[in-house]
N, C-alpha and C. Protein backbone atom coordinates (compact mmCIF):
# COMPACT_ATOMS: atom_id res chain seq x y z
N MET A 1 73.61 118.06 -140.42
CA MET A 1 73.25 118.59 -139.14
C MET A 1 71.86 119.25 -139.22
N TYR A 2 71.61 119.93 -140.33
CA TYR A 2 70.31 120.58 -140.49
C TYR A 2 69.19 119.56 -140.35
N THR A 3 69.37 118.39 -140.92
CA THR A 3 68.34 117.35 -140.86
C THR A 3 68.06 116.94 -139.42
N ARG A 4 69.11 116.80 -138.64
CA ARG A 4 68.92 116.43 -137.23
C ARG A 4 68.22 117.55 -136.46
N PHE A 5 68.62 118.80 -136.72
CA PHE A 5 67.95 119.93 -136.08
C PHE A 5 66.48 119.98 -136.46
N ASP A 6 66.22 119.81 -137.73
CA ASP A 6 64.84 119.87 -138.23
C ASP A 6 63.99 118.77 -137.61
N GLN A 7 64.55 117.58 -137.52
CA GLN A 7 63.83 116.46 -136.91
C GLN A 7 63.51 116.75 -135.43
N LEU A 8 64.48 117.25 -134.68
CA LEU A 8 64.27 117.57 -133.28
C LEU A 8 63.26 118.70 -133.11
N ALA A 9 63.31 119.68 -133.99
CA ALA A 9 62.37 120.80 -133.94
C ALA A 9 60.94 120.30 -134.12
N LYS A 10 60.76 119.39 -135.06
CA LYS A 10 59.42 118.83 -135.31
C LYS A 10 58.96 117.93 -134.17
N GLU A 11 59.86 117.09 -133.67
CA GLU A 11 59.53 116.17 -132.57
C GLU A 11 59.12 116.91 -131.30
N HIS A 12 59.74 118.06 -131.07
CA HIS A 12 59.51 118.79 -129.82
C HIS A 12 58.71 120.07 -130.01
N ASP A 13 58.21 120.27 -131.22
CA ASP A 13 57.40 121.43 -131.56
C ASP A 13 58.08 122.73 -131.12
N ARG A 14 59.33 122.87 -131.56
CA ARG A 14 60.14 124.05 -131.24
C ARG A 14 60.65 124.65 -132.54
N PRO A 15 60.88 125.95 -132.55
CA PRO A 15 61.47 126.58 -133.75
C PRO A 15 62.89 126.06 -133.99
N LEU A 16 63.26 125.95 -135.23
CA LEU A 16 64.58 125.46 -135.62
C LEU A 16 65.69 126.31 -134.99
N LEU A 17 65.50 127.62 -134.96
CA LEU A 17 66.50 128.50 -134.38
C LEU A 17 66.72 128.19 -132.89
N GLU A 18 65.66 127.88 -132.18
CA GLU A 18 65.77 127.53 -130.77
C GLU A 18 66.60 126.26 -130.59
N ILE A 19 66.41 125.30 -131.47
CA ILE A 19 67.18 124.05 -131.42
C ILE A 19 68.65 124.36 -131.65
N ALA A 20 68.95 125.20 -132.63
CA ALA A 20 70.34 125.55 -132.93
C ALA A 20 70.99 126.28 -131.75
N GLU A 21 70.25 127.19 -131.12
CA GLU A 21 70.77 127.91 -129.97
C GLU A 21 71.03 126.98 -128.80
N MET A 22 70.13 126.06 -128.57
CA MET A 22 70.32 125.08 -127.48
C MET A 22 71.53 124.21 -127.76
N PHE A 23 71.73 123.84 -129.01
CA PHE A 23 72.87 123.02 -129.41
C PHE A 23 74.18 123.72 -129.05
N MET A 24 74.24 125.03 -129.28
CA MET A 24 75.43 125.80 -128.93
C MET A 24 75.62 125.85 -127.41
N LYS A 25 74.53 125.95 -126.67
CA LYS A 25 74.61 126.05 -125.21
C LYS A 25 75.08 124.76 -124.56
N VAL A 26 74.88 123.61 -125.24
CA VAL A 26 75.31 122.32 -124.69
C VAL A 26 76.58 121.80 -125.37
N SER A 27 77.34 122.71 -125.94
CA SER A 27 78.65 122.39 -126.54
C SER A 27 78.56 121.37 -127.67
N GLY A 28 77.49 121.42 -128.42
CA GLY A 28 77.36 120.54 -129.57
C GLY A 28 77.12 119.08 -129.25
N ASP A 29 76.61 118.82 -128.09
CA ASP A 29 76.35 117.45 -127.64
C ASP A 29 74.88 117.10 -127.92
N PHE A 30 74.65 116.27 -128.95
CA PHE A 30 73.28 115.92 -129.33
C PHE A 30 72.54 115.18 -128.23
N GLU A 31 73.24 114.36 -127.46
CA GLU A 31 72.58 113.65 -126.36
C GLU A 31 72.10 114.63 -125.30
N ALA A 32 72.96 115.59 -124.96
CA ALA A 32 72.57 116.61 -123.98
C ALA A 32 71.42 117.46 -124.52
N LEU A 33 71.44 117.74 -125.81
CA LEU A 33 70.36 118.50 -126.44
C LEU A 33 69.04 117.75 -126.32
N LYS A 34 69.06 116.47 -126.61
CA LYS A 34 67.84 115.67 -126.50
C LYS A 34 67.34 115.64 -125.06
N MET A 35 68.27 115.52 -124.12
CA MET A 35 67.88 115.51 -122.71
C MET A 35 67.24 116.84 -122.31
N ALA A 36 67.85 117.94 -122.75
CA ALA A 36 67.32 119.27 -122.43
C ALA A 36 65.93 119.46 -123.03
N LEU A 37 65.75 118.98 -124.25
CA LEU A 37 64.44 119.08 -124.89
C LEU A 37 63.40 118.23 -124.16
N GLY A 38 63.88 117.18 -123.52
CA GLY A 38 63.01 116.31 -122.74
C GLY A 38 62.76 116.82 -121.33
N GLY A 39 63.32 117.98 -121.01
CA GLY A 39 63.09 118.58 -119.70
C GLY A 39 64.08 118.19 -118.63
N LYS A 40 65.11 117.46 -119.01
CA LYS A 40 66.12 117.06 -118.03
C LYS A 40 67.19 118.16 -117.88
N ALA A 41 67.78 118.22 -116.71
CA ALA A 41 68.84 119.20 -116.46
C ALA A 41 70.15 118.76 -117.13
N VAL A 42 70.76 119.68 -117.83
CA VAL A 42 72.06 119.44 -118.46
C VAL A 42 72.92 120.68 -118.23
N VAL A 43 74.22 120.53 -118.43
CA VAL A 43 75.11 121.67 -118.31
C VAL A 43 74.94 122.55 -119.54
N GLU A 44 74.58 123.80 -119.29
CA GLU A 44 74.44 124.77 -120.37
C GLU A 44 75.42 125.91 -120.15
N TRP A 45 75.84 126.51 -121.24
CA TRP A 45 76.80 127.60 -121.20
C TRP A 45 76.13 128.90 -121.63
N THR A 46 76.45 129.97 -120.90
CA THR A 46 75.95 131.29 -121.21
C THR A 46 77.05 132.10 -121.89
N THR A 47 76.68 133.25 -122.40
CA THR A 47 77.67 134.16 -122.98
C THR A 47 78.69 134.58 -121.93
N MET A 48 78.22 134.79 -120.72
CA MET A 48 79.12 135.18 -119.63
C MET A 48 80.09 134.04 -119.29
N ASP A 49 79.59 132.81 -119.29
CA ASP A 49 80.47 131.65 -119.07
C ASP A 49 81.55 131.61 -120.14
N ASP A 50 81.15 131.81 -121.39
CA ASP A 50 82.12 131.78 -122.49
C ASP A 50 83.14 132.90 -122.37
N HIS A 51 82.69 134.05 -121.90
CA HIS A 51 83.64 135.15 -121.66
C HIS A 51 84.66 134.73 -120.60
N SER A 52 84.18 134.12 -119.53
CA SER A 52 85.08 133.67 -118.46
C SER A 52 86.08 132.65 -118.99
N LEU A 53 85.66 131.85 -119.93
CA LEU A 53 86.53 130.84 -120.53
C LEU A 53 87.70 131.47 -121.28
N THR A 54 87.51 132.70 -121.77
CA THR A 54 88.56 133.38 -122.53
C THR A 54 89.55 134.11 -121.63
N GLN A 55 89.29 134.13 -120.34
CA GLN A 55 90.17 134.83 -119.40
C GLN A 55 91.37 133.95 -119.06
N PRO A 56 92.45 134.59 -118.62
CA PRO A 56 93.63 133.80 -118.22
C PRO A 56 93.26 132.80 -117.13
N GLU A 57 93.90 131.66 -117.14
CA GLU A 57 93.58 130.59 -116.19
C GLU A 57 93.83 130.98 -114.74
N HIS A 58 94.63 131.97 -114.48
CA HIS A 58 94.88 132.41 -113.11
C HIS A 58 93.88 133.49 -112.66
N SER A 59 92.99 133.91 -113.55
CA SER A 59 92.03 134.98 -113.23
C SER A 59 90.91 134.46 -112.33
N ILE A 60 90.30 135.37 -111.62
CA ILE A 60 89.17 135.03 -110.75
C ILE A 60 88.02 134.48 -111.58
N GLU A 61 87.75 135.09 -112.74
CA GLU A 61 86.64 134.65 -113.59
C GLU A 61 86.81 133.20 -114.02
N TYR A 62 88.02 132.86 -114.43
CA TYR A 62 88.28 131.49 -114.88
C TYR A 62 88.17 130.50 -113.72
N LYS A 63 88.71 130.88 -112.57
CA LYS A 63 88.65 130.00 -111.40
C LYS A 63 87.21 129.77 -110.95
N GLN A 64 86.39 130.82 -111.01
CA GLN A 64 84.98 130.68 -110.66
C GLN A 64 84.26 129.76 -111.66
N LEU A 65 84.63 129.89 -112.92
CA LEU A 65 84.05 129.02 -113.94
C LEU A 65 84.40 127.56 -113.67
N LEU A 66 85.65 127.30 -113.34
CA LEU A 66 86.08 125.94 -113.00
C LEU A 66 85.30 125.39 -111.81
N ALA A 67 85.09 126.24 -110.81
CA ALA A 67 84.36 125.80 -109.62
C ALA A 67 82.90 125.49 -109.96
N ALA A 68 82.32 126.27 -110.85
CA ALA A 68 80.91 126.09 -111.20
C ALA A 68 80.68 124.94 -112.17
N LYS A 69 81.54 124.80 -113.18
CA LYS A 69 81.33 123.82 -114.24
C LYS A 69 82.13 122.54 -114.06
N GLY A 70 83.28 122.66 -113.44
CA GLY A 70 84.17 121.50 -113.31
C GLY A 70 85.14 121.44 -114.47
N ILE A 71 86.29 120.85 -114.21
CA ILE A 71 87.36 120.78 -115.22
C ILE A 71 86.93 120.03 -116.48
N ASP A 72 86.18 118.93 -116.33
CA ASP A 72 85.77 118.15 -117.50
C ASP A 72 84.89 118.97 -118.45
N GLU A 73 83.94 119.70 -117.88
CA GLU A 73 83.06 120.53 -118.72
C GLU A 73 83.81 121.69 -119.37
N VAL A 74 84.74 122.28 -118.62
CA VAL A 74 85.52 123.38 -119.18
C VAL A 74 86.37 122.88 -120.34
N GLU A 75 87.01 121.74 -120.17
CA GLU A 75 87.83 121.18 -121.25
C GLU A 75 86.96 120.80 -122.46
N ARG A 76 85.79 120.26 -122.19
CA ARG A 76 84.87 119.91 -123.28
C ARG A 76 84.44 121.15 -124.06
N ARG A 77 84.18 122.24 -123.34
CA ARG A 77 83.78 123.49 -124.00
C ARG A 77 84.92 124.04 -124.84
N LYS A 78 86.14 123.97 -124.32
CA LYS A 78 87.30 124.42 -125.09
C LYS A 78 87.43 123.63 -126.39
N LYS A 79 87.28 122.32 -126.30
CA LYS A 79 87.38 121.48 -127.50
C LYS A 79 86.28 121.81 -128.49
N PHE A 80 85.08 122.09 -127.98
CA PHE A 80 83.96 122.48 -128.84
C PHE A 80 84.31 123.75 -129.61
N PHE A 81 84.84 124.75 -128.93
CA PHE A 81 85.21 125.99 -129.60
C PHE A 81 86.31 125.77 -130.62
N LEU A 82 87.32 125.01 -130.25
CA LEU A 82 88.42 124.77 -131.18
C LEU A 82 87.96 124.00 -132.41
N ALA A 83 87.03 123.06 -132.23
CA ALA A 83 86.49 122.30 -133.36
C ALA A 83 85.70 123.20 -134.30
N LYS A 84 85.12 124.27 -133.76
CA LYS A 84 84.33 125.21 -134.57
C LYS A 84 85.21 126.29 -135.19
N GLY A 85 86.52 126.25 -134.91
CA GLY A 85 87.44 127.21 -135.49
C GLY A 85 87.64 128.47 -134.67
N TYR A 86 87.09 128.50 -133.46
CA TYR A 86 87.33 129.64 -132.58
C TYR A 86 88.68 129.46 -131.91
N HIS A 87 89.30 130.56 -131.61
CA HIS A 87 90.60 130.49 -130.93
C HIS A 87 90.47 131.14 -129.57
N LEU A 88 90.87 130.42 -128.56
CA LEU A 88 90.86 130.96 -127.21
C LEU A 88 92.24 131.56 -126.94
N PRO A 89 92.28 132.70 -126.26
CA PRO A 89 93.58 133.34 -126.01
C PRO A 89 94.47 132.47 -125.14
N VAL A 90 95.75 132.56 -125.38
CA VAL A 90 96.73 131.83 -124.59
C VAL A 90 97.10 132.70 -123.39
N ASP A 91 97.14 132.11 -122.26
CA ASP A 91 97.53 132.82 -121.05
C ASP A 91 99.05 132.89 -121.03
N LYS A 92 99.62 134.06 -121.37
CA LYS A 92 101.07 134.21 -121.48
C LYS A 92 101.77 133.93 -120.15
N LYS A 93 101.19 134.34 -119.03
CA LYS A 93 101.80 134.11 -117.72
C LYS A 93 101.93 132.61 -117.46
N ASP A 94 100.83 131.84 -117.75
CA ASP A 94 100.89 130.39 -117.55
C ASP A 94 101.89 129.74 -118.49
N LYS A 95 102.00 130.25 -119.72
CA LYS A 95 102.93 129.67 -120.68
C LYS A 95 104.37 129.85 -120.21
N MET A 96 104.67 131.02 -119.64
CA MET A 96 106.03 131.30 -119.19
C MET A 96 106.42 130.43 -118.02
N GLU A 97 105.45 129.98 -117.22
CA GLU A 97 105.74 129.16 -116.06
C GLU A 97 106.01 127.71 -116.41
N GLU A 98 105.66 127.30 -117.62
CA GLU A 98 105.83 125.88 -118.03
C GLU A 98 107.27 125.54 -118.24
């Protein structure tokens, strides 16, 4: 991964750390990263978005996130976090309703 980051940093004359930060903002999607570096609009995640993702699914924050990002992007972000070893809290209320 370092090699790919380094190559993109050199191609786009950007610091390596900036490339790594952008990679995290686009949920580890190299294609989206390349598009963003090329000036195209892509879905990016903020710290506040990630906080909303950790809220119970019935919460206002989570519902607003779904409205803003869409279910596909929210699910993709969850998978990205789980692949990185992060654990998202389980919504106990939703679990009891299943």
